[in-house]
PDB file of N, CA and C in Angstrom:
ATOM      1  N   MET A   1      55.929  93.205  19.604  1.00  0.00           N
ATOM      2  CA  MET A   1      55.838  93.949  20.851  1.00  0.00           C
ATOM      3  C   MET A   1      54.806  93.298  21.776  1.00  0.00           C
ATOM      4  N   LYS A   2      53.619  92.987  21.266  1.00  0.00           N
ATOM      5  CA  LYS A   2      52.606  92.348  22.099  1.00  0.00           C
ATOM      6  C   LYS A   2      53.041  90.948  22.510  1.00  0.00           C
ATOM      7  N   LEU A   3      53.742  90.276  21.605  1.00  0.00           N
ATOM      8  CA  LEU A   3      54.219  88.928  21.904  1.00  0.00           C
ATOM      9  C   LEU A   3      55.175  88.941  23.091  1.00  0.00           C
ATOM     10  N   GLU A   4      56.055  89.923  23.146  1.00  0.00           N
ATOM     11  CA  GLU A   4      56.992  90.044  24.265  1.00  0.00           C
ATOM     12  C   GLU A   4      56.255  90.320  25.570  1.00  0.00           C
ATOM     13  N   MET A   5      55.227  91.144  25.510  1.00  0.00           N
ATOM     14  CA  MET A   5      54.451  91.468  26.701  1.00  0.00           C
ATOM     15  C   MET A   5      53.719  90.221  27.208  1.00  0.00           C
ATOM     16  N   VAL A   6      53.145  89.457  26.295  1.00  0.00           N
ATOM     17  CA  VAL A   6      52.442  88.234  26.682  1.00  0.00           C
ATOM     18  C   VAL A   6      53.427  87.228  27.273  1.00  0.00           C
ATOM     19  N   ALA A   7      54.598  87.096  26.652  1.00  0.00           N
ATOM     20  CA  ALA A   7      55.614  86.166  27.149  1.00  0.00           C
ATOM     21  C   ALA A   7      56.075  86.560  28.549  1.00  0.00           C
ATOM     22  N   THR A   8      56.261  87.842  28.777  1.00  0.00           N
ATOM     23  CA  THR A   8      56.686  88.322  30.091  1.00  0.00           C
ATOM     24  C   THR A   8      55.625  88.041  31.142  1.00  0.00           C
ATOM     25  N   LYS A   9      54.373  88.303  30.814  1.00  0.00           N
ATOM     26  CA  LYS A   9      53.284  88.051  31.765  1.00  0.00           C
ATOM     27  C   LYS A   9      53.151  86.560  32.051  1.00  0.00           C
ATOM     28  N   PHE A  10      53.361  85.732  31.034  1.00  0.00           N
ATOM     29  CA  PHE A  10      53.302  84.290  31.224  1.00  0.00           C
ATOM     30  C   PHE A  10      54.421  83.828  32.155  1.00  0.00           C
ATOM     31  N   GLN A  11      55.610  84.372  31.992  1.00  0.00           N
ATOM     32  CA  GLN A  11      56.731  84.024  32.867  1.00  0.00           C
ATOM     33  C   GLN A  11      56.443  84.418  34.308  1.00  0.00           C
ATOM     34  N   VAL A  12      55.866  85.589  34.499  1.00  0.00           N
ATOM     35  CA  VAL A  12      55.515  86.047  35.846  1.00  0.00           C
ATOM     36  C   VAL A  12      54.476  85.111  36.453  1.00  0.00           C
ATOM     37  N   LEU A  13      53.496  84.715  35.664  1.00  0.00           N
ATOM     38  CA  LEU A  13      52.460  83.799  36.143  1.00  0.00           C
ATOM     39  C   LEU A  13      53.063  82.462  36.564  1.00  0.00           C
ATOM     40  N   ILE A  14      53.935  81.907  35.731  1.00  0.00           N
ATOM     41  CA  ILE A  14      54.561  80.626  36.048  1.00  0.00           C
ATOM     42  C   ILE A  14      55.411  80.737  37.310  1.00  0.00           C
ATOM     43  N   ARG A  15      56.173  81.819  37.442  1.00  0.00           N
ATOM     44  CA  ARG A  15      56.998  82.005  38.645  1.00  0.00           C
ATOM     45  C   ARG A  15      56.135  82.111  39.894  1.00  0.00           C
ATOM     46  N   THR A  16      55.000  82.786  39.775  1.00  0.00           N
ATOM     47  CA  THR A  16      54.088  82.921  40.910  1.00  0.00           C
ATOM     48  C   THR A  16      53.530  81.564  41.313  1.00  0.00           C
ATOM     49  N   ILE A  17      53.146  80.770  40.337  1.00  0.00           N
ATOM     50  CA  ILE A  17      52.618  79.436  40.620  1.00  0.00           C
ATOM     51  C   ILE A  17      53.685  78.570  41.278  1.00  0.00           C
ATOM     52  N   VAL A  18      54.898  78.608  40.758  1.00  0.00           N
ATOM     53  CA  VAL A  18      55.991  77.807  41.316  1.00  0.00           C
ATOM     54  C   VAL A  18      56.287  78.229  42.749  1.00  0.00           C
ATOM     55  N   THR A  19      56.315  79.523  42.997  1.00  0.00           N
ATOM     56  CA  THR A  19      56.567  80.017  44.354  1.00  0.00           C
ATOM     57  C   THR A  19      55.470  79.560  45.300  1.00  0.00           C
ATOM     58  N   THR A  20      54.232  79.641  44.851  1.00  0.00           N
ATOM     59  CA  THR A  20      53.104  79.204  45.674  1.00  0.00           C
ATOM     60  C   THR A  20      53.211  77.723  45.995  1.00  0.00           C
ATOM     61  N   LEU A  21      53.563  76.925  45.000  1.00  0.00           N
ATOM     62  CA  LEU A  21      53.698  75.487  45.226  1.00  0.00           C
ATOM     63  C   LEU A  21      54.844  75.179  46.176  1.00  0.00           C
ATOM     64  N   ASP A  22      55.904  75.963  46.132  1.00  0.00           N
ATOM     65  CA  ASP A  22      57.032  75.758  47.041  1.00  0.00           C
ATOM     66  C   ASP A  22      56.674  76.111  48.478  1.00  0.00           C
ATOM     67  N   VAL A  23      55.828  77.103  48.654  1.00  0.00           N
ATOM     68  CA  VAL A  23      55.487  77.578  49.992  1.00  0.00           C
ATOM     69  C   VAL A  23      54.523  76.628  50.699  1.00  0.00           C
ATOM     70  N   TYR A  24      53.540  76.120  49.980  1.00  0.00           N
ATOM     71  CA  TYR A  24      52.538  75.250  50.595  1.00  0.00           C
ATOM     72  C   TYR A  24      53.105  73.883  50.916  1.00  0.00           C
ATOM     73  N   SER A  25      52.692  73.349  52.035  1.00  0.00           N
ATOM     74  CA  SER A  25      53.088  71.998  52.435  1.00  0.00           C
ATOM     75  C   SER A  25      52.083  71.011  51.856  1.00  0.00           C
ATOM     76  N   PHE A  26      52.535  70.210  50.911  1.00  0.00           N
ATOM     77  CA  PHE A  26      51.624  69.282  50.251  1.00  0.00           C
ATOM     78  C   PHE A  26      51.248  68.101  51.133  1.00  0.00           C
ATOM     79  N   ASN A  27      52.030  67.844  52.150  1.00  0.00           N
ATOM     80  CA  ASN A  27      51.687  66.744  53.047  1.00  0.00           C
ATOM     81  C   ASN A  27      50.427  67.050  53.844  1.00  0.00           C
ATOM     82  N   SER A  28      50.170  68.321  54.094  1.00  0.00           N
ATOM     83  CA  SER A  28      48.994  68.692  54.875  1.00  0.00           C
ATOM     84  C   SER A  28      47.765  68.911  54.002  1.00  0.00           C
ATOM     85  N   MET A  29      47.946  68.833  52.691  1.00  0.00           N
ATOM     86  CA  MET A  29      46.829  69.053  51.769  1.00  0.00           C
ATOM     87  C   MET A  29      46.430  67.732  51.126  1.00  0.00           C
ATOM     88  N   ASP A  30      45.149  67.597  50.831  1.00  0.00           N
ATOM     89  CA  ASP A  30      44.647  66.391  50.176  1.00  0.00           C
ATOM     90  C   ASP A  30      44.654  66.615  48.662  1.00  0.00           C
ATOM     91  N   ILE A  31      45.778  66.287  48.036  1.00  0.00           N
ATOM     92  CA  ILE A  31      45.894  66.452  46.591  1.00  0.00           C
ATOM     93  C   ILE A  31      46.353  65.146  45.970  1.00  0.00           C
ATOM     94  N   CYS A  32      46.094  65.005  44.688  1.00  0.00           N
ATOM     95  CA  CYS A  32      46.449  63.764  44.010  1.00  0.00           C
ATOM     96  C   CYS A  32      47.956  63.675  43.782  1.00  0.00           C
ATOM     97  N   GLY A  33      48.434  62.470  43.554  1.00  0.00           N
ATOM     98  CA  GLY A  33      49.852  62.226  43.342  1.00  0.00           C
ATOM     99  C   GLY A  33      50.396  62.898  42.099  1.00  0.00           C
ATOM    100  N   LYS A  34      49.540  63.089  41.090  1.00  0.00           N
ATOM    101  CA  LYS A  34      49.985  63.711  39.839  1.00  0.00           C
ATOM    102  C   LYS A  34      50.461  65.139  40.094  1.00  0.00           C
ATOM    103  N   VAL A  35      49.765  65.876  40.930  1.00  0.00           N
ATOM    104  CA  VAL A  35      50.160  67.250  41.248  1.00  0.00           C
ATOM    105  C   VAL A  35      51.493  67.246  41.986  1.00  0.00           C
ATOM    106  N   LYS A  36      51.671  66.309  42.888  1.00  0.00           N
ATOM    107  CA  LYS A  36      52.941  66.208  43.616  1.00  0.00           C
ATOM    108  C   LYS A  36      54.090  65.915  42.658  1.00  0.00           C
ATOM    109  N   GLU A  37      53.836  65.068  41.650  1.00  0.00           N
ATOM    110  CA  GLU A  37      54.866  64.765  40.655  1.00  0.00           C
ATOM    111  C   GLU A  37      55.215  66.009  39.842  1.00  0.00           C
ATOM    112  N   LEU A  38      54.211  66.781  39.465  1.00  0.00           N
ATOM    113  CA  LEU A  38      54.446  67.992  38.679  1.00  0.00           C
ATOM    114  C   LEU A  38      55.241  69.017  39.474  1.00  0.00           C
ATOM    115  N   LYS A  39      55.008  69.083  40.775  1.00  0.00           N
ATOM    116  CA  LYS A  39      55.739  70.035  41.613  1.00  0.00           C
ATOM    117  C   LYS A  39      57.231  69.734  41.612  1.00  0.00           C
ATOM    118  N   LYS A  40      57.578  68.447  41.567  1.00  0.00           N
ATOM    119  CA  LYS A  40      58.984  68.052  41.590  1.00  0.00           C
ATOM    120  C   LYS A  40      59.718  68.487  40.334  1.00  0.00           C
ATOM    121  N   LEU A  41      58.999  68.711  39.240  1.00  0.00           N
ATOM    122  CA  LEU A  41      59.638  69.151  38.003  1.00  0.00           C
ATOM    123  C   LEU A  41      60.104  70.565  38.163  1.00  0.00           C
TER     124      LEU A  41
END
């Protein structure tokens, strides 16, 4: 039961991060190329 709750919260966290990365324009931010590569995944 706790494992399912943790998995669900982790999925929500990952979706939030992905949405945030999609919304921000990386061209206007000074970030390393590695982060840009990870976003493409």
